[in-house]
C-alpha atoms as a PDB file:
ATOM      1  CA  MET A   1     118.994  98.235  98.654  1.00  0.00           C
ATOM      2  CA  GLY A   2     116.786  96.573  96.348  1.00  0.00           C
ATOM      3  CA  ALA A   3     116.048  96.772  92.655  1.00  0.00           C
ATOM      4  CA  GLY A   4     115.876 100.090  90.947  1.00  0.00           C
ATOM      5  CA  HIS A   5     117.743 102.432  93.192  1.00  0.00           C
ATOM      6  CA  TYR A   6     121.191 103.382  92.224  1.00  0.00           C
ATOM      7  CA  ALA A   7     123.648 106.343  91.511  1.00  0.00           C
ATOM      8  CA  SER A   8     123.497 107.995  94.928  1.00  0.00           C
ATOM      9  CA  THR A   9     123.839 111.753  95.487  1.00  0.00           C
ATOM     10  CA  HIS A  10     124.991 112.770  98.584  1.00  0.00           C
ATOM     11  CA  PHE A  11     124.390 116.141 100.595  1.00  0.00           C
ATOM     12  CA  ILE A  12     123.814 117.950 103.733  1.00  0.00           C
ATOM     13  CA  ASP A  13     120.165 119.157 104.160  1.00  0.00           C
ATOM     14  CA  ALA A  14     119.567 122.699 106.178  1.00  0.00           C
ATOM     15  CA  ASP A  15     119.368 120.995 109.069  1.00  0.00           C
ATOM     16  CA  GLY A  16     122.863 119.182 108.795  1.00  0.00           C
ATOM     17  CA  ARG A  17     121.601 115.963 108.242  1.00  0.00           C
ATOM     18  CA  PRO A  18     123.544 113.550 105.821  1.00  0.00           C
ATOM     19  CA  SER A  19     120.955 112.598 103.196  1.00  0.00           C
ATOM     20  CA  LEU A  20     120.677 110.726  99.785  1.00  0.00           C
ATOM     21  CA  LEU A  21     118.860 110.801  96.406  1.00  0.00           C
ATOM     22  CA  PHE A  22     118.845 108.121  94.333  1.00  0.00           C
ATOM     23  CA  TRP A  23     117.987 107.664  90.551  1.00  0.00           C
ATOM     24  CA  ILE A  24     115.599 104.971  90.008  1.00  0.00           C
ATOM     25  CA  ARG A  25     115.987 102.586  86.873  1.00  0.00           C
ATOM     26  CA  GLY A  26     114.198 100.219  85.009  1.00  0.00           C
ATOM     27  CA  ILE A  27     110.922 102.676  84.307  1.00  0.00           C
ATOM     28  CA  SER A  28     109.861 104.731  82.255  1.00  0.00           C
ATOM     29  CA  ASP A  29     107.300 105.789  80.167  1.00  0.00           C
ATOM     30  CA  PRO A  30     108.435 104.915  76.498  1.00  0.00           C
ATOM     31  CA  GLY A  31     109.048 107.903  74.441  1.00  0.00           C
ATOM     32  CA  THR A  32     108.299 110.219  77.265  1.00  0.00           C
ATOM     33  CA  TRP A  33     110.894 109.513  80.074  1.00  0.00           C
ATOM     34  CA  VAL A  34     113.195 106.861  81.094  1.00  0.00           C
ATOM     35  CA  GLY A  35     113.765 106.576  85.173  1.00  0.00           C
ATOM     36  CA  ALA A  36     112.801 108.967  88.093  1.00  0.00           C
ATOM     37  CA  LEU A  37     114.569 110.578  91.212  1.00  0.00           C
ATOM     38  CA  SER A  38     113.869 109.047  94.524  1.00  0.00           C
ATOM     39  CA  VAL A  39     112.407 111.093  97.330  1.00  0.00           C
ATOM     40  CA  PRO A  40     115.265 112.496  99.339  1.00  0.00           C
ATOM     41  CA  TYR A  41     116.255 109.980 102.441  1.00  0.00           C
ATOM     42  CA  VAL A  42     118.108 111.011 105.641  1.00  0.00           C
ATOM     43  CA  VAL A  43     121.311 108.457 106.776  1.00  0.00           C
ATOM     44  CA  SER A  44     121.703 107.485 109.940  1.00  0.00           C
ATOM     45  CA  HIS A  45     123.614 105.039 111.932  1.00  0.00           C
ATOM     46  CA  ASP A  46     121.864 102.507 114.638  1.00  0.00           C
ATOM     47  CA  GLY A  47     125.030 100.595 115.652  1.00  0.00           C
ATOM     48  CA  SER A  48     126.752  98.794 113.126  1.00  0.00           C
ATOM     49  CA  ARG A  49     123.762  99.656 110.733  1.00  0.00           C
ATOM     50  CA  THR A  50     123.244 101.969 108.302  1.00  0.00           C
ATOM     51  CA  ALA A  51     119.681 103.431 108.018  1.00  0.00           C
ATOM     52  CA  LEU A  52     117.647 105.227 105.334  1.00  0.00           C
ATOM     53  CA  THR A  53     114.315 106.736 106.070  1.00  0.00           C
ATOM     54  CA  PRO A  54     112.377 109.173 103.954  1.00  0.00           C
ATOM     55  CA  HIS A  55     113.171 112.839 105.085  1.00  0.00           C
ATOM     56  CA  PRO A  56     110.918 114.702 107.001  1.00  0.00           C
ATOM     57  CA  THR A  57     110.159 116.791 104.243  1.00  0.00           C
ATOM     58  CA  VAL A  58     108.336 114.134 102.888  1.00  0.00           C
ATOM     59  CA  ALA A  59     105.696 113.529 106.196  1.00  0.00           C
ATOM     60  CA  ALA A  60     105.391 117.101 105.805  1.00  0.00           C
ATOM     61  CA  ALA A  61     103.875 117.541 102.331  1.00  0.00           C
ATOM     62  CA  ARG A  62     100.824 114.998 103.502  1.00  0.00           C
ATOM     63  CA  SER A  63      97.471 116.696 103.407  1.00  0.00           C
ATOM     64  CA  THR A  64      95.778 116.293 106.426  1.00  0.00           C
ATOM     65  CA  SER A  65      93.251 113.940 105.340  1.00  0.00           C
ATOM     66  CA  THR A  66      92.872 111.419 102.581  1.00  0.00           C
ATOM     67  CA  GLY A  67      88.975 111.251 102.590  1.00  0.00           C
ATOM     68  CA  GLY A  68      89.369 107.605 101.378  1.00  0.00           C
ATOM     69  CA  GLU A  69      89.937 108.969  97.519  1.00  0.00           C
ATOM     70  CA  PRO A  70      92.550 107.640  95.287  1.00  0.00           C
ATOM     71  CA  ALA A  71      95.886 109.951  94.410  1.00  0.00           C
ATOM     72  CA  THR A  72      98.630 109.474  92.212  1.00  0.00           C
ATOM     73  CA  ALA A  73     101.056 110.751  95.108  1.00  0.00           C
ATOM     74  CA  LEU A  74     100.533 108.759  98.777  1.00  0.00           C
ATOM     75  CA  ASP A  75     102.107 108.218 101.531  1.00  0.00           C
ATOM     76  CA  VAL A  76     101.634 105.023 103.548  1.00  0.00           C
ATOM     77  CA  GLU A  77     102.779 103.709 106.761  1.00  0.00           C
ATOM     78  CA  TRP A  78     101.479  99.461 106.968  1.00  0.00           C
ATOM     79  CA  SER A  79     102.220  97.884 110.182  1.00  0.00           C
ATOM     80  CA  PRO A  80     101.028  94.386 110.029  1.00  0.00           C
ATOM     81  CA  HIS A  81     102.454  92.731 113.277  1.00  0.00           C
ATOM     82  CA  GLY A  82     104.450  90.021 111.482  1.00  0.00           C
ATOM     83  CA  THR A  83     102.542  88.826 108.450  1.00  0.00           C
ATOM     84  CA  GLY A  84      99.955  90.717 106.204  1.00  0.00           C
ATOM     85  CA  THR A  85      99.264  91.910 102.592  1.00  0.00           C
ATOM     86  CA  LEU A  86      98.975  95.479 101.207  1.00  0.00           C
ATOM     87  CA  ARG A  87      97.816  96.077  97.842  1.00  0.00           C
ATOM     88  CA  PRO A  88      97.312  99.519  96.366  1.00  0.00           C
ATOM     89  CA  VAL A  89      94.325  99.674  94.141  1.00  0.00           C
ATOM     90  CA  GLY A  90      92.917 101.590  91.077  1.00  0.00           C
ATOM     91  CA  PRO A  91      89.732 103.080  91.356  1.00  0.00           C
ATOM     92  CA  ASP A  92      88.544  99.901  89.167  1.00  0.00           C
ATOM     93  CA  GLY A  93      89.141  97.973  91.550  1.00  0.00           C
ATOM     94  CA  VAL A  94      92.256  95.875  90.243  1.00  0.00           C
ATOM     95  CA  SER A  95      95.262  95.653  92.570  1.00  0.00           C
ATOM     96  CA  ARG A  96      98.157  97.317  90.944  1.00  0.00           C
ATOM     97  CA  ALA A  97     100.863  95.529  93.414  1.00  0.00           C
ATOM     98  CA  ASP A  98     100.890  93.060  96.115  1.00  0.00           C
ATOM     99  CA  LEU A  99     103.415  93.386  99.107  1.00  0.00           C
ATOM    100  CA  ALA A 100     103.137  90.313 101.159  1.00  0.00           C
ATOM    101  CA  LEU A 101     104.836  89.960 104.468  1.00  0.00           C
ATOM    102  CA  ALA A 102     105.711  86.555 106.401  1.00  0.00           C
ATOM    103  CA  ASP A 103     108.296  85.730 108.381  1.00  0.00           C
ATOM    104  CA  GLY A 104     110.567  88.791 108.049  1.00  0.00           C
ATOM    105  CA  VAL A 105     110.197  88.238 104.495  1.00  0.00           C
ATOM    106  CA  LEU A 106     108.627  90.719 102.022  1.00  0.00           C
ATOM    107  CA  THR A 107     108.093  90.036  98.860  1.00  0.00           C
ATOM    108  CA  ILE A 108     106.886  92.465  96.103  1.00  0.00           C
ATOM    109  CA  SER A 109     105.190  91.748  93.199  1.00  0.00           C
ATOM    110  CA  VAL A 110     104.292  94.078  90.048  1.00  0.00           C
ATOM    111  CA  PRO A 111     102.271  93.016  86.956  1.00  0.00           C
ATOM    112  CA  GLY A 112     105.367  92.441  84.346  1.00  0.00           C
ATOM    113  CA  ALA A 113     108.130  92.373  86.365  1.00  0.00           C
ATOM    114  CA  ASP A 114     109.714  89.568  88.758  1.00  0.00           C
ATOM    115  CA  PRO A 115     109.018  89.586  92.515  1.00  0.00           C
ATOM    116  CA  VAL A 116     111.613  91.591  94.813  1.00  0.00           C
ATOM    117  CA  VAL A 117     111.980  90.103  97.913  1.00  0.00           C
ATOM    118  CA  VAL A 118     113.884  91.932 100.593  1.00  0.00           C
ATOM    119  CA  GLU A 119     113.815  91.254 104.713  1.00  0.00           C
ATOM    120  CA  HIS A 120     111.803  93.495 106.922  1.00  0.00           C
ATOM    121  CA  HIS A 121     111.372  93.129 110.532  1.00  0.00           C
ATOM    122  CA  GLU A 122     110.491  96.573 111.928  1.00  0.00           C
ATOM    123  CA  PRO A 123     107.041  97.125 112.833  1.00  0.00           C
ATOM    124  CA  THR A 124     105.961  99.703 110.087  1.00  0.00           C
ATOM    125  CA  LEU A 125     106.742  99.605 106.382  1.00  0.00           C
ATOM    126  CA  ARG A 126     106.392 103.251 104.686  1.00  0.00           C
ATOM    127  CA  VAL A 127     105.422 103.163 100.873  1.00  0.00           C
ATOM    128  CA  ILE A 128     105.810 106.304  98.876  1.00  0.00           C
ATOM    129  CA  ALA A 129     103.662 106.531  95.851  1.00  0.00           C
ATOM    130  CA  ASP A 130     104.507 109.012  93.432  1.00  0.00           C
ATOM    131  CA  ALA A 131     102.076 108.325  90.242  1.00  0.00           C
ATOM    132  CA  GLN A 132     103.926 105.028  88.775  1.00  0.00           C
ATOM    133  CA  VAL A 133     106.955 104.796  91.054  1.00  0.00           C
ATOM    134  CA  PRO A 134     106.199 103.310  94.525  1.00  0.00           C
ATOM    135  CA  GLU A 135     109.311 102.907  96.639  1.00  0.00           C
ATOM    136  CA  ILE A 136     109.224 100.884  99.536  1.00  0.00           C
ATOM    137  CA  VAL A 137     111.271 101.411 102.697  1.00  0.00           C
ATOM    138  CA  ALA A 138     111.944  98.097 104.159  1.00  0.00           C
ATOM    139  CA  ASP A 139     114.167  97.426 106.583  1.00  0.00           C
ATOM    140  CA  GLY A 140     116.563  94.864 104.244  1.00  0.00           C
ATOM    141  CA  GLY A 141     116.440  97.869 101.580  1.00  0.00           C
ATOM    142  CA  LEU A 142     114.795 100.434  99.255  1.00  0.00           C
ATOM    143  CA  VAL A 143     112.657  98.908  96.125  1.00  0.00           C
ATOM    144  CA  GLY A 144     111.359 101.031  93.404  1.00  0.00           C
ATOM    145  CA  LEU A 145     109.375  99.486  90.847  1.00  0.00           C
ATOM    146  CA  GLN A 146     106.954 100.341  88.231  1.00  0.00           C
ATOM    147  CA  LEU A 147     103.057 100.131  88.307  1.00  0.00           C
ATOM    148  CA  THR A 148     101.027 100.268  85.488  1.00  0.00           C
ATOM    149  CA  ASP A 149      97.605 102.083  84.784  1.00  0.00           C
ATOM    150  CA  VAL A 150      96.892 104.543  87.547  1.00  0.00           C
ATOM    151  CA  ALA A 151      96.000 107.352  85.902  1.00  0.00           C
ATOM    152  CA  GLY A 152      92.858 107.396  88.148  1.00  0.00           C
ATOM    153  CA  GLY A 153      94.910 107.200  91.337  1.00  0.00           C
ATOM    154  CA  LEU A 154      95.382 104.085  94.015  1.00  0.00           C
ATOM    155  CA  ILE A 155      93.991 103.850  97.443  1.00  0.00           C
ATOM    156  CA  PRO A 156      95.767 101.367  99.679  1.00  0.00           C
ATOM    157  CA  TYR A 157      94.038  98.284 101.328  1.00  0.00           C
ATOM    158  CA  ALA A 158      95.549  96.008 103.641  1.00  0.00           C
ATOM    159  CA  ASP A 159      94.211  92.610 105.020  1.00  0.00           C
ATOM    160  CA  ASP A 160      93.499  94.293 108.381  1.00  0.00           C
ATOM    161  CA  PRO A 161      92.590  98.079 108.203  1.00  0.00           C
ATOM    162  CA  SER A 162      93.601  98.869 111.452  1.00  0.00           C
ATOM    163  CA  HIS A 163      97.310  98.443 110.252  1.00  0.00           C
ATOM    164  CA  LEU A 164      97.329 100.842 108.004  1.00  0.00           C
ATOM    165  CA  ALA A 165      97.616 104.854 107.720  1.00  0.00           C
ATOM    166  CA  TRP A 166      97.570 106.870 104.516  1.00  0.00           C
ATOM    167  CA  TRP A 167      97.783 110.547 102.880  1.00  0.00           C
ATOM    168  CA  HIS A 168      97.933 112.170 100.193  1.00  0.00           C
ATOM    169  CA  LEU A 169     100.839 114.096  99.159  1.00  0.00           C
ATOM    170  CA  SER A 170     101.011 117.775  97.876  1.00  0.00           C
END
């Protein structure tokens, strides 16, 4: 796992799937809250490798269309085909984070924090943003960081828009 996710709680969902929730540390709104809970993840095994994928209830909370409007709760699927950049951008046009993939290495940068680097070789990267907390689901681990200034919502932009799909979450 990458930065942020720790203190996992295991449960079996209604369909009998082993699942986890995490506490995400290192994020806060001083004087209001500290830390957050992750979205739920389903645990699976692919040969000798353990994999975590967002629970199907996350995709079930997608709206039918984004309409291109910013939102504070997003589910993003990005398929950069080996290299590319993804940026969640505020309504002011300023990037709130940079996700850059090159040669199987994903570098995640947010203002005020050191960049986080994880491996990612799968064709699709999933990013789930809930207010200030994006969870990046790379095959090299989960990363949860804090974004700043998301009051007006976010719109994801990729250097190749044909490799990007995104939904508002309800």
